[in-house]
Amino acid sequence: MKEDNVLSLTADAAGAAVAGMPMSGLTQPEVTSEIILAAVLKSLDDNKAEEVVQIDLRGKTSVCDHMVICSGRSSRQVAAIAQKLAEDLKHELGVLCKTEGEETGDWVLIDAGDVIVHVFRPEVREFYQLEKMWMPLGKVAQSAT
């Protein structure tokens, strides 16, 4: 068989799938932002994240429903908390996260769709003060602990 024929034979496999049906045959239950948030908070607690703060952003931005900000004591712990959180969400809920900043471990952003998580080293968190940026004037961030 020529190489072109091999490629054309396998290219039709995707078209043979029934439209709208999951490829694996497994159905994923509806995962809401509240379910993701609960899993995030549990993972952060299990992995000793410090000063965990959650901010409800529903109706304030289209970016996400919830933001969670927390700290780790060192660059290594920050990266480990973020990596474990992404693994937990993938295994427990089937949520695939996008992460940024794991290489340096100063500030790792985990995008879990409707929940965005920021894991900081304490000095970096103090410098950027994201809680102040996202909280309404006169409000105090709601601690998740």
N, C-alpha and C. Protein backbone atom coordinates (compact mmCIF):
# COMPACT_ATOMS: atom_id res chain seq x y z
N MET A 1 0.84 -1.18 0.00
CA MET A 1 0.00 0.00 0.00
C MET A 1 0.88 1.25 0.00
N LYS A 2 0.50 2.23 -0.76
CA LYS A 2 1.25 3.47 -0.78
C LYS A 2 0.95 4.26 0.49
N GLU A 3 1.88 5.14 0.84
CA GLU A 3 1.71 5.95 2.04
C GLU A 3 0.45 6.81 1.98
N ASP A 4 0.13 7.36 0.82
CA ASP A 4 -1.06 8.19 0.68
C ASP A 4 -2.34 7.41 0.99
N ASN A 5 -2.38 6.15 0.58
CA ASN A 5 -3.56 5.32 0.83
C ASN A 5 -3.72 5.02 2.32
N VAL A 6 -2.64 4.80 3.01
CA VAL A 6 -2.69 4.53 4.44
C VAL A 6 -3.29 5.73 5.18
N LEU A 7 -2.82 6.92 4.83
CA LEU A 7 -3.33 8.11 5.49
C LEU A 7 -4.81 8.33 5.20
N SER A 8 -5.23 8.09 3.97
CA SER A 8 -6.63 8.33 3.63
C SER A 8 -7.54 7.30 4.29
N LEU A 9 -7.06 6.07 4.50
CA LEU A 9 -7.88 5.06 5.16
C LEU A 9 -8.12 5.41 6.63
N THR A 10 -7.10 5.90 7.31
CA THR A 10 -7.27 6.24 8.73
C THR A 10 -7.97 7.58 8.92
N ALA A 11 -7.94 8.44 7.93
CA ALA A 11 -8.58 9.74 8.04
C ALA A 11 -10.09 9.60 8.13
N ASP A 12 -10.66 8.53 7.57
CA ASP A 12 -12.11 8.34 7.61
C ASP A 12 -12.60 7.84 8.97
N ALA A 13 -11.72 7.39 9.85
CA ALA A 13 -12.13 6.88 11.15
C ALA A 13 -12.81 7.94 11.99
N ALA A 14 -12.32 9.18 11.94
CA ALA A 14 -12.93 10.26 12.71
C ALA A 14 -14.33 10.58 12.20
N GLY A 15 -14.53 10.49 10.90
CA GLY A 15 -15.84 10.76 10.33
C GLY A 15 -16.86 9.67 10.64
N ALA A 16 -16.38 8.48 10.98
CA ALA A 16 -17.28 7.37 11.28
C ALA A 16 -17.90 7.46 12.66
N ALA A 17 -17.33 8.27 13.55
CA ALA A 17 -17.86 8.41 14.90
C ALA A 17 -19.22 9.10 14.84
N VAL A 18 -20.10 8.71 15.74
CA VAL A 18 -21.43 9.32 15.79
C VAL A 18 -21.30 10.72 16.35
N ALA A 19 -21.87 11.70 15.66
CA ALA A 19 -21.78 13.10 16.10
C ALA A 19 -22.43 13.27 17.47
N GLY A 20 -21.74 13.96 18.34
CA GLY A 20 -22.27 14.26 19.67
C GLY A 20 -22.00 13.20 20.72
N MET A 21 -21.46 12.09 20.34
CA MET A 21 -21.18 11.01 21.29
C MET A 21 -19.73 11.11 21.75
N PRO A 22 -19.45 10.90 23.04
CA PRO A 22 -18.07 10.93 23.50
C PRO A 22 -17.26 9.80 22.87
N MET A 23 -16.01 10.06 22.56
CA MET A 23 -15.17 9.07 21.89
C MET A 23 -14.92 7.85 22.77
N SER A 24 -14.82 8.03 24.09
CA SER A 24 -14.51 6.91 24.96
C SER A 24 -15.73 6.08 25.31
N GLY A 25 -16.92 6.61 25.05
CA GLY A 25 -18.13 5.91 25.42
C GLY A 25 -18.56 6.20 26.85
N LEU A 26 -17.73 6.90 27.61
CA LEU A 26 -18.05 7.24 28.99
C LEU A 26 -18.69 8.61 29.03
N THR A 27 -19.67 8.78 29.89
CA THR A 27 -20.29 10.10 30.03
C THR A 27 -19.75 10.76 31.27
N GLN A 28 -19.46 12.04 31.17
CA GLN A 28 -18.94 12.83 32.29
C GLN A 28 -20.11 13.59 32.92
N PRO A 29 -20.35 13.41 34.22
CA PRO A 29 -21.43 14.16 34.84
C PRO A 29 -21.13 15.67 34.77
N GLU A 30 -22.17 16.46 34.86
CA GLU A 30 -22.01 17.92 34.81
C GLU A 30 -21.12 18.38 35.97
N VAL A 31 -20.01 18.99 35.64
CA VAL A 31 -19.09 19.49 36.66
C VAL A 31 -19.29 20.99 36.74
N THR A 32 -19.84 21.46 37.87
CA THR A 32 -20.12 22.88 38.05
C THR A 32 -18.93 23.58 38.68
N SER A 33 -18.97 24.90 38.65
CA SER A 33 -17.88 25.67 39.27
C SER A 33 -17.83 25.41 40.77
N GLU A 34 -18.97 25.14 41.40
CA GLU A 34 -18.99 24.86 42.84
C GLU A 34 -18.31 23.53 43.16
N ILE A 35 -18.51 22.54 42.29
CA ILE A 35 -17.86 21.24 42.48
C ILE A 35 -16.35 21.39 42.30
N ILE A 36 -15.94 22.14 41.29
CA ILE A 36 -14.51 22.38 41.06
C ILE A 36 -13.92 23.13 42.26
N LEU A 37 -14.62 24.17 42.72
CA LEU A 37 -14.14 24.95 43.86
C LEU A 37 -13.96 24.07 45.09
N ALA A 38 -14.92 23.21 45.39
CA ALA A 38 -14.81 22.32 46.55
C ALA A 38 -13.60 21.40 46.42
N ALA A 39 -13.37 20.86 45.22
CA ALA A 39 -12.21 19.99 44.99
C ALA A 39 -10.90 20.76 45.12
N VAL A 40 -10.89 22.00 44.64
CA VAL A 40 -9.70 22.85 44.77
C VAL A 40 -9.37 23.10 46.23
N LEU A 41 -10.37 23.50 47.00
CA LEU A 41 -10.15 23.80 48.42
C LEU A 41 -9.70 22.57 49.20
N LYS A 42 -10.25 21.40 48.87
CA LYS A 42 -9.84 20.16 49.53
C LYS A 42 -8.39 19.84 49.21
N SER A 43 -8.02 19.95 47.93
CA SER A 43 -6.65 19.66 47.52
C SER A 43 -5.66 20.61 48.19
N LEU A 44 -6.00 21.90 48.22
CA LEU A 44 -5.11 22.87 48.85
C LEU A 44 -4.94 22.59 50.33
N ASP A 45 -6.03 22.21 51.00
CA ASP A 45 -5.97 21.88 52.42
C ASP A 45 -5.12 20.63 52.65
N ASP A 46 -5.35 19.60 51.82
CA ASP A 46 -4.59 18.35 51.94
C ASP A 46 -3.09 18.57 51.73
N ASN A 47 -2.74 19.56 50.91
CA ASN A 47 -1.33 19.78 50.56
C ASN A 47 -0.71 20.95 51.30
N LYS A 48 -1.35 21.35 52.39
CA LYS A 48 -0.79 22.34 53.33
C LYS A 48 -0.57 23.73 52.74
N ALA A 49 -1.45 24.13 51.81
CA ALA A 49 -1.38 25.51 51.32
C ALA A 49 -1.77 26.43 52.48
N GLU A 50 -1.18 27.61 52.52
CA GLU A 50 -1.41 28.54 53.63
C GLU A 50 -2.20 29.75 53.15
N GLU A 51 -2.89 30.38 54.10
CA GLU A 51 -3.65 31.62 53.85
C GLU A 51 -4.51 31.52 52.60
N VAL A 52 -5.35 30.50 52.56
CA VAL A 52 -6.23 30.27 51.41
C VAL A 52 -7.39 31.25 51.46
N VAL A 53 -7.58 31.97 50.36
CA VAL A 53 -8.66 32.95 50.25
C VAL A 53 -9.43 32.65 48.97
N GLN A 54 -10.76 32.63 49.08
CA GLN A 54 -11.56 32.46 47.87
C GLN A 54 -12.36 33.74 47.62
N ILE A 55 -12.46 34.09 46.35
CA ILE A 55 -13.17 35.30 45.95
C ILE A 55 -14.24 34.91 44.94
N ASP A 56 -15.48 35.24 45.25
CA ASP A 56 -16.60 34.94 44.36
C ASP A 56 -16.68 36.02 43.28
N LEU A 57 -16.52 35.63 42.03
CA LEU A 57 -16.52 36.58 40.93
C LEU A 57 -17.73 36.42 40.02
N ARG A 58 -18.71 35.61 40.43
CA ARG A 58 -19.90 35.41 39.60
C ARG A 58 -20.60 36.75 39.37
N GLY A 59 -20.89 37.03 38.13
CA GLY A 59 -21.56 38.26 37.76
C GLY A 59 -20.65 39.47 37.68
N LYS A 60 -19.38 39.32 38.03
CA LYS A 60 -18.44 40.44 38.00
C LYS A 60 -17.50 40.38 36.81
N THR A 61 -17.26 39.18 36.29
CA THR A 61 -16.38 39.00 35.15
C THR A 61 -16.78 37.74 34.40
N SER A 62 -16.48 37.69 33.13
CA SER A 62 -16.77 36.48 32.36
C SER A 62 -15.58 35.53 32.35
N VAL A 63 -14.49 35.93 32.99
CA VAL A 63 -13.28 35.12 33.00
C VAL A 63 -13.48 33.83 33.79
N CYS A 64 -14.06 33.95 34.99
CA CYS A 64 -14.27 32.79 35.83
C CYS A 64 -15.33 33.10 36.89
N ASP A 65 -15.78 32.06 37.58
CA ASP A 65 -16.76 32.24 38.66
C ASP A 65 -16.10 32.44 40.02
N HIS A 66 -14.95 31.80 40.21
CA HIS A 66 -14.26 31.86 41.50
C HIS A 66 -12.76 32.02 41.29
N MET A 67 -12.15 32.74 42.19
CA MET A 67 -10.70 32.86 42.23
C MET A 67 -10.25 32.41 43.62
N VAL A 68 -9.20 31.60 43.65
CA VAL A 68 -8.64 31.14 44.91
C VAL A 68 -7.18 31.57 44.92
N ILE A 69 -6.77 32.17 46.05
CA ILE A 69 -5.40 32.64 46.21
C ILE A 69 -4.85 31.98 47.46
N CYS A 70 -3.63 31.45 47.36
CA CYS A 70 -3.02 30.82 48.52
C CYS A 70 -1.50 30.95 48.44
N SER A 71 -0.84 30.52 49.50
CA SER A 71 0.61 30.61 49.57
C SER A 71 1.23 29.26 49.91
N GLY A 72 2.47 29.11 49.46
CA GLY A 72 3.32 28.00 49.86
C GLY A 72 4.56 28.60 50.49
N ARG A 73 5.24 27.85 51.33
CA ARG A 73 6.38 28.41 52.07
C ARG A 73 7.65 28.57 51.24
N SER A 74 7.76 27.81 50.15
CA SER A 74 8.97 27.88 49.32
C SER A 74 8.59 27.67 47.87
N SER A 75 9.53 27.94 46.98
CA SER A 75 9.29 27.73 45.55
C SER A 75 8.94 26.28 45.27
N ARG A 76 9.63 25.39 45.94
CA ARG A 76 9.38 23.95 45.75
C ARG A 76 7.97 23.58 46.20
N GLN A 77 7.52 24.11 47.34
CA GLN A 77 6.18 23.80 47.81
C GLN A 77 5.11 24.43 46.90
N VAL A 78 5.35 25.64 46.43
CA VAL A 78 4.41 26.30 45.51
C VAL A 78 4.21 25.43 44.26
N ALA A 79 5.29 24.98 43.67
CA ALA A 79 5.21 24.14 42.46
C ALA A 79 4.53 22.81 42.77
N ALA A 80 4.83 22.23 43.91
CA ALA A 80 4.24 20.94 44.29
C ALA A 80 2.74 21.06 44.54
N ILE A 81 2.32 22.12 45.21
CA ILE A 81 0.88 22.36 45.45
C ILE A 81 0.15 22.47 44.12
N ALA A 82 0.70 23.24 43.19
CA ALA A 82 0.07 23.45 41.89
C ALA A 82 0.00 22.15 41.10
N GLN A 83 1.08 21.40 41.08
CA GLN A 83 1.12 20.14 40.34
C GLN A 83 0.12 19.14 40.91
N LYS A 84 0.07 19.03 42.22
CA LYS A 84 -0.85 18.10 42.88
C LYS A 84 -2.30 18.52 42.64
N LEU A 85 -2.58 19.82 42.67
CA LEU A 85 -3.93 20.31 42.42
C LEU A 85 -4.39 19.93 41.02
N ALA A 86 -3.54 20.14 40.03
CA ALA A 86 -3.89 19.79 38.65
C ALA A 86 -4.14 18.29 38.52
N GLU A 87 -3.30 17.47 39.17
CA GLU A 87 -3.49 16.02 39.14
C GLU A 87 -4.80 15.62 39.81
N ASP A 88 -5.10 16.21 40.98
CA ASP A 88 -6.33 15.88 41.70
C ASP A 88 -7.56 16.21 40.87
N LEU A 89 -7.58 17.39 40.24
CA LEU A 89 -8.74 17.78 39.44
C LEU A 89 -8.91 16.86 38.22
N LYS A 90 -7.80 16.46 37.64
CA LYS A 90 -7.87 15.56 36.48
C LYS A 90 -8.42 14.20 36.89
N HIS A 91 -7.90 13.63 37.98
CA HIS A 91 -8.30 12.29 38.39
C HIS A 91 -9.69 12.25 39.01
N GLU A 92 -10.04 13.25 39.80
CA GLU A 92 -11.33 13.24 40.50
C GLU A 92 -12.49 13.72 39.64
N LEU A 93 -12.27 14.74 38.80
CA LEU A 93 -13.36 15.35 38.06
C LEU A 93 -13.20 15.30 36.55
N GLY A 94 -12.04 14.90 36.07
CA GLY A 94 -11.79 14.92 34.63
C GLY A 94 -11.54 16.31 34.09
N VAL A 95 -11.19 17.25 34.98
CA VAL A 95 -10.92 18.63 34.59
C VAL A 95 -9.44 18.76 34.24
N LEU A 96 -9.17 19.16 33.02
CA LEU A 96 -7.78 19.38 32.60
C LEU A 96 -7.43 20.84 32.81
N CYS A 97 -6.39 21.08 33.57
CA CYS A 97 -5.98 22.44 33.93
C CYS A 97 -4.83 22.90 33.06
N LYS A 98 -4.77 24.19 32.87
CA LYS A 98 -3.62 24.82 32.24
C LYS A 98 -2.86 25.52 33.35
N THR A 99 -1.55 25.36 33.37
CA THR A 99 -0.74 26.00 34.41
C THR A 99 0.34 26.86 33.79
N GLU A 100 0.69 27.89 34.52
CA GLU A 100 1.77 28.80 34.14
C GLU A 100 2.62 29.08 35.37
N GLY A 101 3.93 29.10 35.21
CA GLY A 101 4.82 29.52 36.28
C GLY A 101 5.41 28.43 37.14
N GLU A 102 5.17 27.17 36.81
CA GLU A 102 5.70 26.08 37.64
C GLU A 102 7.22 26.04 37.64
N GLU A 103 7.82 26.51 36.56
CA GLU A 103 9.28 26.43 36.45
C GLU A 103 9.98 27.22 37.55
N THR A 104 9.50 28.43 37.83
CA THR A 104 10.16 29.27 38.83
C THR A 104 9.60 29.04 40.23
N GLY A 105 8.31 28.73 40.33
CA GLY A 105 7.72 28.45 41.63
C GLY A 105 7.45 29.68 42.48
N ASP A 106 7.55 30.87 41.91
CA ASP A 106 7.24 32.08 42.68
C ASP A 106 5.73 32.35 42.68
N TRP A 107 5.11 32.15 41.52
CA TRP A 107 3.68 32.39 41.34
C TRP A 107 3.22 31.42 40.27
N VAL A 108 2.36 30.49 40.65
CA VAL A 108 1.82 29.54 39.69
C VAL A 108 0.33 29.82 39.54
N LEU A 109 -0.10 29.95 38.30
CA LEU A 109 -1.50 30.13 37.99
C LEU A 109 -2.04 28.82 37.45
N ILE A 110 -3.16 28.36 38.02
CA ILE A 110 -3.81 27.13 37.57
C ILE A 110 -5.19 27.53 37.06
N ASP A 111 -5.44 27.31 35.78
CA ASP A 111 -6.72 27.63 35.17
C ASP A 111 -7.52 26.34 35.06
N ALA A 112 -8.55 26.23 35.93
CA ALA A 112 -9.42 25.06 35.93
C ALA A 112 -10.77 25.40 35.32
N GLY A 113 -10.78 26.32 34.38
CA GLY A 113 -12.03 26.72 33.74
C GLY A 113 -12.72 27.80 34.53
N ASP A 114 -13.77 27.43 35.25
CA ASP A 114 -14.54 28.40 36.02
C ASP A 114 -13.89 28.76 37.35
N VAL A 115 -12.78 28.12 37.68
CA VAL A 115 -12.04 28.44 38.91
C VAL A 115 -10.58 28.68 38.53
N ILE A 116 -10.09 29.85 38.91
CA ILE A 116 -8.68 30.20 38.69
C ILE A 116 -7.99 30.19 40.05
N VAL A 117 -6.84 29.53 40.12
CA VAL A 117 -6.10 29.42 41.38
C VAL A 117 -4.73 30.05 41.20
N HIS A 118 -4.35 30.88 42.18
CA HIS A 118 -3.02 31.49 42.21
C HIS A 118 -2.31 30.94 43.45
N VAL A 119 -1.14 30.36 43.26
CA VAL A 119 -0.32 29.87 44.37
C VAL A 119 0.96 30.69 44.36
N PHE A 120 1.21 31.37 45.48
CA PHE A 120 2.34 32.31 45.59
C PHE A 120 3.32 31.90 46.67
N ARG A 121 4.56 32.35 46.51
CA ARG A 121 5.45 32.45 47.66
C ARG A 121 4.98 33.69 48.42
N PRO A 122 5.07 33.74 49.74
CA PRO A 122 4.52 34.86 50.51
C PRO A 122 4.99 36.25 50.06
N GLU A 123 6.29 36.39 49.73
CA GLU A 123 6.82 37.70 49.33
C GLU A 123 6.20 38.17 48.02
N VAL A 124 6.00 37.24 47.09
CA VAL A 124 5.44 37.58 45.78
C VAL A 124 3.95 37.92 45.94
N ARG A 125 3.28 37.19 46.80
CA ARG A 125 1.85 37.47 47.06
C ARG A 125 1.68 38.86 47.65
N GLU A 126 2.54 39.23 48.57
CA GLU A 126 2.47 40.55 49.19
C GLU A 126 2.73 41.65 48.16
N PHE A 127 3.64 41.39 47.24
CA PHE A 127 3.98 42.38 46.23
C PHE A 127 2.80 42.66 45.29
N TYR A 128 2.14 41.59 44.79
CA TYR A 128 1.08 41.77 43.80
C TYR A 128 -0.29 42.09 44.41
N GLN A 129 -0.56 41.61 45.60
CA GLN A 129 -1.80 41.91 46.34
C GLN A 129 -3.05 41.72 45.48
N LEU A 130 -3.20 40.54 44.90
CA LEU A 130 -4.35 40.26 44.05
C LEU A 130 -5.68 40.37 44.79
N GLU A 131 -5.67 40.01 46.08
CA GLU A 131 -6.92 40.11 46.85
C GLU A 131 -7.47 41.53 46.80
N LYS A 132 -6.62 42.51 46.95
CA LYS A 132 -7.06 43.91 46.94
C LYS A 132 -7.58 44.31 45.57
N MET A 133 -7.00 43.75 44.52
CA MET A 133 -7.41 44.09 43.17
C MET A 133 -8.82 43.58 42.85
N TRP A 134 -9.16 42.39 43.34
CA TRP A 134 -10.41 41.76 42.97
C TRP A 134 -11.53 41.94 43.98
N MET A 135 -11.21 42.33 45.20
CA MET A 135 -12.25 42.50 46.21
C MET A 135 -12.89 43.88 46.08
N PRO A 136 -14.22 43.98 46.28
CA PRO A 136 -14.86 45.30 46.27
C PRO A 136 -14.30 46.17 47.40
N LEU A 137 -14.35 47.47 47.22
CA LEU A 137 -13.86 48.38 48.25
C LEU A 137 -14.60 48.14 49.56
N GLY A 138 -13.87 48.14 50.64
CA GLY A 138 -14.46 47.96 51.96
C GLY A 138 -14.74 46.53 52.35
N LYS A 139 -14.52 45.57 51.44
CA LYS A 139 -14.76 44.16 51.73
C LYS A 139 -13.45 43.49 52.10
N VAL A 140 -13.55 42.44 52.89
CA VAL A 140 -12.39 41.62 53.25
C VAL A 140 -12.55 40.29 52.54
N ALA A 141 -11.47 39.77 52.02
CA ALA A 141 -11.49 38.49 51.30
C ALA A 141 -11.99 37.40 52.23
N GLN A 142 -12.81 36.48 51.69
CA GLN A 142 -13.36 35.39 52.47
C GLN A 142 -12.33 34.29 52.58
N SER A 143 -11.91 34.00 53.79
CA SER A 143 -10.94 32.94 54.00
C SER A 143 -11.61 31.60 53.86
N ALA A 144 -10.95 30.69 53.19
CA ALA A 144 -11.51 29.36 52.97
C ALA A 144 -11.16 28.41 54.09
N THR A 145 -10.34 28.84 55.02
CA THR A 145 -9.92 27.92 56.09
C THR A 145 -10.76 28.06 57.30
